Amino acid sequence: MSKPFTPGPTPNTVRAADGKVLSVPEGWVLLPPGDAALTRRVKAAGDHWIVAEKKGRKVFSRGIWTSAATIESIRADLEAERSTESFAQKKEAAARRREKVQIEYVEDFHGAVLAFLAFHPNHADLADRLARAVTDHATPVGSGTVARTKRIPVEQRAEAAVIAWMRHQTTGYDGMVIPRVKGKRREVRRMLARRSHDLLERYRRGEDLPETCPLLRTLAKLVPDHGEPSSGHRLPGQC
């Protein structure tokens, strides 16, 4: 039966939810995370201890303790399956499906970003460059950005991704020294978000902004007109 544990004080121990430290049964080894198929089969095979560790708000898997013989037997079966031509074909087909899904999602997300920006026609080109920059940053698989979550609608993901991108690219946020006071960082982020929303509203109204505007200057470096993204530098301040 699966039991949740955290790492113990020594290599061959785990800590239970009640704080009790337990020694790992003889003949057991720690299977590290990384091979999803192997992990699934090991869990289904019999007794095992799942080890996870919470850091901040996130929980990270540290692996599974279980019989070494069980792991080796299942690993050997998997290796035999993976060496067949049919497995290679299935893997290739699955990769094509994932690529298709990713391409479609990138297109949908780009459209959602453009819809959120809703810039005046006078700034249509700028909106497209900003949408491309945000999409390129936020949509790669494994990026861990808000664009990859499925907990909120894509429209909300697009808005959050734009504001996050602007916070890092058009403000001095990354260089700020923020006091370690509870809620202070959240307060600063909200303040910068309001500034970003105010700036976007000016583009929606079709206002002509100076070339010194950090958004214009950053996009000129990251996403030149009709060009490919290039490396750029973060700029402080706002328009």
C-alpha atoms as a PDB file:
ATOM      1  CA  MET A   1       0.000   0.000   0.000  1.00  0.00           C
ATOM      2  CA  SER A   2       1.323   3.437  -0.928  1.00  0.00           C
ATOM      3  CA  LYS A   3       2.323   5.746   1.917  1.00  0.00           C
ATOM      4  CA  PRO A   4       3.363   9.402   1.591  1.00  0.00           C
ATOM      5  CA  PHE A   5       6.726  10.205   3.161  1.00  0.00           C
ATOM      6  CA  THR A   6       9.318  12.950   3.176  1.00  0.00           C
ATOM      7  CA  PRO A   7      13.082  12.313   3.087  1.00  0.00           C
ATOM      8  CA  GLY A   8      14.511  11.189   6.402  1.00  0.00           C
ATOM      9  CA  PRO A   9      17.603  12.495   8.203  1.00  0.00           C
ATOM     10  CA  THR A  10      19.831   9.766   6.712  1.00  0.00           C
ATOM     11  CA  PRO A  11      19.966   8.205   3.224  1.00  0.00           C
ATOM     12  CA  ASN A  12      18.042   5.031   4.084  1.00  0.00           C
ATOM     13  CA  THR A  13      15.290   6.597   6.156  1.00  0.00           C
ATOM     14  CA  VAL A  14      12.007   8.387   5.549  1.00  0.00           C
ATOM     15  CA  ARG A  15       9.843  10.568   7.739  1.00  0.00           C
ATOM     16  CA  ALA A  16       6.138   9.792   8.137  1.00  0.00           C
ATOM     17  CA  ALA A  17       3.387  12.405   8.371  1.00  0.00           C
ATOM     18  CA  ASP A  18       3.425  12.147  12.175  1.00  0.00           C
ATOM     19  CA  GLY A  19       7.159  12.915  12.245  1.00  0.00           C
ATOM     20  CA  LYS A  20       8.284   9.356  12.979  1.00  0.00           C
ATOM     21  CA  VAL A  21      11.493   8.307  11.234  1.00  0.00           C
ATOM     22  CA  LEU A  22      11.391   4.861   9.598  1.00  0.00           C
ATOM     23  CA  SER A  23      14.193   2.756   8.167  1.00  0.00           C
ATOM     24  CA  VAL A  24      13.745   1.494   4.621  1.00  0.00           C
ATOM     25  CA  PRO A  25      13.090  -2.281   4.440  1.00  0.00           C
ATOM     26  CA  GLU A  26      16.057  -4.450   3.547  1.00  0.00           C
ATOM     27  CA  GLY A  27      16.371  -5.095  -0.160  1.00  0.00           C
ATOM     28  CA  TRP A  28      14.611  -1.858  -1.135  1.00  0.00           C
ATOM     29  CA  VAL A  29      16.178   0.863  -3.257  1.00  0.00           C
ATOM     30  CA  LEU A  30      15.089   4.346  -4.246  1.00  0.00           C
ATOM     31  CA  LEU A  31      13.776   4.629  -7.801  1.00  0.00           C
ATOM     32  CA  PRO A  32      14.325   8.277  -8.818  1.00  0.00           C
ATOM     33  CA  PRO A  33      11.672  10.158 -10.819  1.00  0.00           C
ATOM     34  CA  GLY A  34      12.095  10.532 -14.557  1.00  0.00           C
ATOM     35  CA  ASP A  35      10.722   7.392 -16.226  1.00  0.00           C
ATOM     36  CA  ALA A  36       6.937   7.709 -16.011  1.00  0.00           C
ATOM     37  CA  ALA A  37       6.180   4.256 -17.440  1.00  0.00           C
ATOM     38  CA  LEU A  38       8.579   2.527 -15.061  1.00  0.00           C
ATOM     39  CA  THR A  39       7.202   4.479 -12.112  1.00  0.00           C
ATOM     40  CA  ARG A  40       3.593   3.581 -12.967  1.00  0.00           C
ATOM     41  CA  ARG A  41       4.355  -0.124 -13.232  1.00  0.00           C
ATOM     42  CA  VAL A  42       6.404  -0.154 -10.039  1.00  0.00           C
ATOM     43  CA  LYS A  43       3.529   1.478  -8.152  1.00  0.00           C
ATOM     44  CA  ALA A  44       1.117  -1.133  -9.485  1.00  0.00           C
ATOM     45  CA  ALA A  45       3.448  -4.042  -8.697  1.00  0.00           C
ATOM     46  CA  GLY A  46       3.160  -4.018  -4.923  1.00  0.00           C
ATOM     47  CA  ASP A  47       4.378  -2.394  -1.716  1.00  0.00           C
ATOM     48  CA  HIS A  48       6.232   0.868  -2.131  1.00  0.00           C
ATOM     49  CA  TRP A  49       6.850   4.146  -0.352  1.00  0.00           C
ATOM     50  CA  ILE A  50       6.400   7.396  -2.235  1.00  0.00           C
ATOM     51  CA  VAL A  51       8.778  10.143  -1.160  1.00  0.00           C
ATOM     52  CA  ALA A  52       8.012  13.801  -1.857  1.00  0.00           C
ATOM     53  CA  GLU A  53       9.285  17.082  -0.491  1.00  0.00           C
ATOM     54  CA  LYS A  54       7.477  20.409  -0.300  1.00  0.00           C
ATOM     55  CA  LYS A  55       9.414  23.572  -1.055  1.00  0.00           C
ATOM     56  CA  GLY A  56       7.359  26.728  -0.846  1.00  0.00           C
ATOM     57  CA  ARG A  57       4.034  26.019  -2.513  1.00  0.00           C
ATOM     58  CA  LYS A  58       5.349  23.233  -4.731  1.00  0.00           C
ATOM     59  CA  VAL A  59       5.733  19.535  -4.001  1.00  0.00           C
ATOM     60  CA  PHE A  60       8.644  17.734  -5.649  1.00  0.00           C
ATOM     61  CA  SER A  61       8.877  13.977  -6.119  1.00  0.00           C
ATOM     62  CA  ARG A  62      12.013  12.428  -4.669  1.00  0.00           C
ATOM     63  CA  GLY A  63      11.278   8.942  -5.959  1.00  0.00           C
ATOM     64  CA  ILE A  64       9.846   5.629  -4.789  1.00  0.00           C
ATOM     65  CA  TRP A  65      11.295   3.129  -2.356  1.00  0.00           C
ATOM     66  CA  THR A  66      10.494  -0.438  -3.285  1.00  0.00           C
ATOM     67  CA  SER A  67      12.068  -3.851  -3.861  1.00  0.00           C
ATOM     68  CA  ALA A  68      15.206  -3.736  -5.999  1.00  0.00           C
ATOM     69  CA  ALA A  69      14.210  -7.037  -7.597  1.00  0.00           C
ATOM     70  CA  THR A  70      10.819  -5.600  -8.593  1.00  0.00           C
ATOM     71  CA  ILE A  71      12.423  -2.572 -10.212  1.00  0.00           C
ATOM     72  CA  GLU A  72      14.946  -4.629 -12.157  1.00  0.00           C
ATOM     73  CA  SER A  73      12.309  -7.073 -13.396  1.00  0.00           C
ATOM     74  CA  ILE A  74       9.982  -4.306 -14.603  1.00  0.00           C
ATOM     75  CA  ARG A  75      12.865  -2.350 -16.124  1.00  0.00           C
ATOM     76  CA  ALA A  76      13.965  -5.418 -18.095  1.00  0.00           C
ATOM     77  CA  ASP A  77      10.421  -5.924 -19.415  1.00  0.00           C
ATOM     78  CA  LEU A  78      10.212  -2.265 -20.428  1.00  0.00           C
ATOM     79  CA  GLU A  79      13.552  -2.361 -22.218  1.00  0.00           C
ATOM     80  CA  ALA A  80      12.426  -5.397 -24.190  1.00  0.00           C
ATOM     81  CA  GLU A  81       9.196  -3.638 -25.189  1.00  0.00           C
ATOM     82  CA  ARG A  82      11.011  -0.446 -26.125  1.00  0.00           C
ATOM     83  CA  SER A  83      13.398  -2.287 -28.413  1.00  0.00           C
ATOM     84  CA  THR A  84      10.603  -3.456 -30.735  1.00  0.00           C
ATOM     85  CA  GLU A  85       9.718  -1.776 -34.021  1.00  0.00           C
ATOM     86  CA  SER A  86       6.077  -1.410 -33.002  1.00  0.00           C
ATOM     87  CA  PHE A  87       7.083   0.593 -29.922  1.00  0.00           C
ATOM     88  CA  ALA A  88       9.239   2.894 -32.053  1.00  0.00           C
ATOM     89  CA  GLN A  89       6.302   3.479 -34.403  1.00  0.00           C
ATOM     90  CA  LYS A  90       3.955   4.226 -31.515  1.00  0.00           C
ATOM     91  CA  LYS A  91       6.484   6.612 -30.003  1.00  0.00           C
ATOM     92  CA  GLU A  92       6.886   8.444 -33.313  1.00  0.00           C
ATOM     93  CA  ALA A  93       3.112   8.708 -33.757  1.00  0.00           C
ATOM     94  CA  ALA A  94       2.714  10.034 -30.223  1.00  0.00           C
ATOM     95  CA  ALA A  95       5.424  12.632 -30.844  1.00  0.00           C
ATOM     96  CA  ARG A  96       3.610  13.804 -33.980  1.00  0.00           C
ATOM     97  CA  ARG A  97       0.352  14.106 -32.040  1.00  0.00           C
ATOM     98  CA  ARG A  98       2.031  16.130 -29.289  1.00  0.00           C
ATOM     99  CA  GLU A  99       3.649  18.394 -31.857  1.00  0.00           C
ATOM    100  CA  LYS A 100       0.305  18.988 -33.566  1.00  0.00           C
ATOM    101  CA  VAL A 101      -1.387  19.771 -30.251  1.00  0.00           C
ATOM    102  CA  GLN A 102       1.444  22.151 -29.339  1.00  0.00           C
ATOM    103  CA  ILE A 103       1.253  23.980 -32.672  1.00  0.00           C
ATOM    104  CA  GLU A 104      -2.497  24.402 -32.294  1.00  0.00           C
ATOM    105  CA  TYR A 105      -2.131  25.633 -28.725  1.00  0.00           C
ATOM    106  CA  VAL A 106       0.527  28.174 -29.681  1.00  0.00           C
ATOM    107  CA  GLU A 107      -1.799  29.541 -32.368  1.00  0.00           C
ATOM    108  CA  ASP A 108      -4.740  29.682 -29.965  1.00  0.00           C
ATOM    109  CA  PHE A 109      -2.655  31.355 -27.272  1.00  0.00           C
ATOM    110  CA  HIS A 110      -1.274  33.924 -29.714  1.00  0.00           C
ATOM    111  CA  GLY A 111      -4.839  34.757 -30.729  1.00  0.00           C
ATOM    112  CA  ALA A 112      -5.888  35.072 -27.085  1.00  0.00           C
ATOM    113  CA  VAL A 113      -3.010  37.454 -26.402  1.00  0.00           C
ATOM    114  CA  LEU A 114      -3.959  39.614 -29.389  1.00  0.00           C
ATOM    115  CA  ALA A 115      -7.568  39.658 -28.204  1.00  0.00           C
ATOM    116  CA  PHE A 116      -6.494  40.758 -24.730  1.00  0.00           C
ATOM    117  CA  LEU A 117      -4.228  43.493 -26.091  1.00  0.00           C
ATOM    118  CA  ALA A 118      -6.936  44.873 -28.407  1.00  0.00           C
ATOM    119  CA  PHE A 119      -4.641  47.676 -29.533  1.00  0.00           C
ATOM    120  CA  HIS A 120      -5.909  50.490 -31.722  1.00  0.00           C
ATOM    121  CA  PRO A 121      -5.377  49.785 -35.459  1.00  0.00           C
ATOM    122  CA  ASN A 122      -2.609  52.394 -35.403  1.00  0.00           C
ATOM    123  CA  HIS A 123      -0.625  50.013 -33.181  1.00  0.00           C
ATOM    124  CA  ALA A 124      -1.541  46.717 -34.896  1.00  0.00           C
ATOM    125  CA  ASP A 125       2.075  45.921 -35.758  1.00  0.00           C
ATOM    126  CA  LEU A 126       3.191  46.585 -32.196  1.00  0.00           C
ATOM    127  CA  ALA A 127       0.419  44.317 -30.880  1.00  0.00           C
ATOM    128  CA  ASP A 128       1.568  41.518 -33.170  1.00  0.00           C
ATOM    129  CA  ARG A 129       5.194  41.854 -32.074  1.00  0.00           C
ATOM    130  CA  LEU A 130       4.220  41.923 -28.407  1.00  0.00           C
ATOM    131  CA  ALA A 131       1.939  38.913 -28.860  1.00  0.00           C
ATOM    132  CA  ARG A 132       4.741  36.995 -30.582  1.00  0.00           C
ATOM    133  CA  ALA A 133       7.230  37.847 -27.837  1.00  0.00           C
ATOM    134  CA  VAL A 134       4.864  36.769 -25.053  1.00  0.00           C
ATOM    135  CA  THR A 135       3.791  33.623 -26.896  1.00  0.00           C
ATOM    136  CA  ASP A 136       7.370  32.570 -27.673  1.00  0.00           C
ATOM    137  CA  HIS A 137       8.291  32.989 -24.023  1.00  0.00           C
ATOM    138  CA  ALA A 138       5.220  31.474 -22.394  1.00  0.00           C
ATOM    139  CA  THR A 139       4.152  28.487 -24.517  1.00  0.00           C
ATOM    140  CA  PRO A 140       7.136  26.088 -24.732  1.00  0.00           C
ATOM    141  CA  VAL A 141       6.363  22.719 -23.141  1.00  0.00           C
ATOM    142  CA  GLY A 142       7.955  22.497 -19.711  1.00  0.00           C
ATOM    143  CA  SER A 143       8.400  26.263 -19.382  1.00  0.00           C
ATOM    144  CA  GLY A 144       6.382  26.289 -16.172  1.00  0.00           C
ATOM    145  CA  THR A 145       4.694  29.559 -17.078  1.00  0.00           C
ATOM    146  CA  VAL A 146       1.059  30.458 -16.491  1.00  0.00           C
ATOM    147  CA  ALA A 147       0.390  29.687 -20.163  1.00  0.00           C
ATOM    148  CA  ARG A 148       0.949  25.989 -19.472  1.00  0.00           C
ATOM    149  CA  THR A 149      -1.657  25.674 -16.737  1.00  0.00           C
ATOM    150  CA  LYS A 150      -5.112  24.296 -17.465  1.00  0.00           C
ATOM    151  CA  ARG A 151      -6.662  25.572 -14.247  1.00  0.00           C
ATOM    152  CA  ILE A 152      -7.824  28.841 -15.785  1.00  0.00           C
ATOM    153  CA  PRO A 153      -9.288  29.733 -19.213  1.00  0.00           C
ATOM    154  CA  VAL A 154      -6.856  30.585 -22.001  1.00  0.00           C
ATOM    155  CA  GLU A 155      -8.084  34.191 -21.953  1.00  0.00           C
ATOM    156  CA  GLN A 156      -6.950  34.576 -18.353  1.00  0.00           C
ATOM    157  CA  ARG A 157      -3.671  32.803 -19.121  1.00  0.00           C
ATOM    158  CA  ALA A 158      -3.026  35.264 -21.939  1.00  0.00           C
ATOM    159  CA  GLU A 159      -3.631  38.286 -19.712  1.00  0.00           C
ATOM    160  CA  ALA A 160      -1.465  36.911 -16.911  1.00  0.00           C
ATOM    161  CA  ALA A 161       1.328  36.042 -19.347  1.00  0.00           C
ATOM    162  CA  VAL A 162       1.346  39.545 -20.850  1.00  0.00           C
ATOM    163  CA  ILE A 163       1.502  41.222 -17.446  1.00  0.00           C
ATOM    164  CA  ALA A 164       4.237  38.845 -16.258  1.00  0.00           C
ATOM    165  CA  TRP A 165       6.260  39.448 -19.421  1.00  0.00           C
ATOM    166  CA  MET A 166       5.944  43.219 -19.032  1.00  0.00           C
ATOM    167  CA  ARG A 167       6.918  43.023 -15.362  1.00  0.00           C
ATOM    168  CA  HIS A 168      10.211  41.347 -16.239  1.00  0.00           C
ATOM    169  CA  GLN A 169      10.940  43.110 -19.518  1.00  0.00           C
ATOM    170  CA  THR A 170       9.698  46.680 -19.116  1.00  0.00           C
ATOM    171  CA  THR A 171      10.094  47.433 -15.418  1.00  0.00           C
ATOM    172  CA  GLY A 172      12.927  47.327 -12.921  1.00  0.00           C
ATOM    173  CA  TYR A 173      11.282  44.457 -11.004  1.00  0.00           C
ATOM    174  CA  ASP A 174      14.139  41.963 -11.365  1.00  0.00           C
ATOM    175  CA  GLY A 175      16.603  44.448  -9.924  1.00  0.00           C
ATOM    176  CA  MET A 176      14.430  45.651  -7.068  1.00  0.00           C
ATOM    177  CA  VAL A 177      15.456  45.053  -3.485  1.00  0.00           C
ATOM    178  CA  ILE A 178      12.131  44.135  -1.893  1.00  0.00           C
ATOM    179  CA  PRO A 179      11.966  43.885   1.907  1.00  0.00           C
ATOM    180  CA  ARG A 180      11.302  40.387   3.205  1.00  0.00           C
ATOM    181  CA  VAL A 181       7.976  41.384   4.682  1.00  0.00           C
ATOM    182  CA  LYS A 182       4.968  39.141   4.194  1.00  0.00           C
ATOM    183  CA  GLY A 183       2.873  40.377   1.298  1.00  0.00           C
ATOM    184  CA  LYS A 184       5.394  43.037   0.187  1.00  0.00           C
ATOM    185  CA  ARG A 185       6.445  41.269  -3.017  1.00  0.00           C
ATOM    186  CA  ARG A 186       2.791  40.682  -3.901  1.00  0.00           C
ATOM    187  CA  GLU A 187       2.105  44.373  -3.284  1.00  0.00           C
ATOM    188  CA  VAL A 188       4.949  45.403  -5.611  1.00  0.00           C
ATOM    189  CA  ARG A 189       3.768  43.031  -8.315  1.00  0.00           C
ATOM    190  CA  ARG A 190       0.235  44.439  -8.096  1.00  0.00           C
ATOM    191  CA  MET A 191       1.561  47.983  -8.351  1.00  0.00           C
ATOM    192  CA  LEU A 192       3.594  47.122 -11.446  1.00  0.00           C
ATOM    193  CA  ALA A 193       0.610  45.258 -12.921  1.00  0.00           C
ATOM    194  CA  ARG A 194      -1.512  48.403 -12.591  1.00  0.00           C
ATOM    195  CA  ARG A 195       1.168  50.393 -14.401  1.00  0.00           C
ATOM    196  CA  SER A 196       1.295  47.805 -17.181  1.00  0.00           C
ATOM    197  CA  HIS A 197      -2.500  47.842 -17.549  1.00  0.00           C
ATOM    198  CA  ASP A 198      -2.435  51.647 -17.717  1.00  0.00           C
ATOM    199  CA  LEU A 199       0.213  51.528 -20.425  1.00  0.00           C
ATOM    200  CA  LEU A 200      -1.742  48.990 -22.475  1.00  0.00           C
ATOM    201  CA  GLU A 201      -4.816  51.199 -22.246  1.00  0.00           C
ATOM    202  CA  ARG A 202      -2.890  54.031 -23.899  1.00  0.00           C
ATOM    203  CA  TYR A 203      -2.125  51.787 -26.856  1.00  0.00           C
ATOM    204  CA  ARG A 204      -5.755  50.689 -26.990  1.00  0.00           C
ATOM    205  CA  ARG A 205      -6.770  54.338 -27.262  1.00  0.00           C
ATOM    206  CA  GLY A 206      -4.339  54.824 -30.124  1.00  0.00           C
ATOM    207  CA  GLU A 207      -2.129  57.345 -28.359  1.00  0.00           C
ATOM    208  CA  ASP A 208       1.276  58.145 -29.838  1.00  0.00           C
ATOM    209  CA  LEU A 209       3.896  57.250 -27.242  1.00  0.00           C
ATOM    210  CA  PRO A 210       7.514  58.445 -27.283  1.00  0.00           C
ATOM    211  CA  GLU A 211      10.262  56.209 -28.607  1.00  0.00           C
ATOM    212  CA  THR A 212      11.712  56.168 -25.096  1.00  0.00           C
ATOM    213  CA  CYS A 213       8.778  54.026 -23.943  1.00  0.00           C
ATOM    214  CA  PRO A 214      10.332  50.850 -22.452  1.00  0.00           C
ATOM    215  CA  LEU A 215       7.778  48.656 -24.229  1.00  0.00           C
ATOM    216  CA  LEU A 216       8.716  50.095 -27.617  1.00  0.00           C
ATOM    217  CA  ARG A 217      12.428  49.916 -26.888  1.00  0.00           C
ATOM    218  CA  THR A 218      12.301  46.368 -25.546  1.00  0.00           C
ATOM    219  CA  LEU A 219      10.272  45.069 -28.476  1.00  0.00           C
ATOM    220  CA  ALA A 220      12.615  46.794 -30.920  1.00  0.00           C
ATOM    221  CA  LYS A 221      15.403  44.614 -29.518  1.00  0.00           C
ATOM    222  CA  LEU A 222      13.510  41.392 -28.838  1.00  0.00           C
ATOM    223  CA  VAL A 223      11.159  41.333 -31.837  1.00  0.00           C
ATOM    224  CA  PRO A 224      12.269  43.689 -34.630  1.00  0.00           C
ATOM    225  CA  ASP A 225       9.749  44.653 -37.298  1.00  0.00           C
ATOM    226  CA  HIS A 226       9.087  41.616 -39.520  1.00  0.00           C
ATOM    227  CA  GLY A 227      12.137  39.936 -38.057  1.00  0.00           C
ATOM    228  CA  GLU A 228      13.015  37.056 -35.798  1.00  0.00           C
ATOM    229  CA  PRO A 229      13.322  37.490 -32.019  1.00  0.00           C
ATOM    230  CA  SER A 230      16.811  38.493 -30.898  1.00  0.00           C
ATOM    231  CA  SER A 231      18.480  38.832 -27.533  1.00  0.00           C
ATOM    232  CA  GLY A 232      17.622  41.966 -25.605  1.00  0.00           C
ATOM    233  CA  HIS A 233      18.060  43.671 -22.278  1.00  0.00           C
ATOM    234  CA  ARG A 234      15.586  44.567 -19.595  1.00  0.00           C
ATOM    235  CA  LEU A 235      14.852  48.243 -19.223  1.00  0.00           C
ATOM    236  CA  PRO A 236      13.733  50.045 -16.069  1.00  0.00           C
ATOM    237  CA  GLY A 237      10.746  52.288 -15.676  1.00  0.00           C
ATOM    238  CA  GLN A 238       7.519  52.701 -17.595  1.00  0.00           C
ATOM    239  CA  CYS A 239       6.177  55.148 -20.147  1.00  0.00           C
END
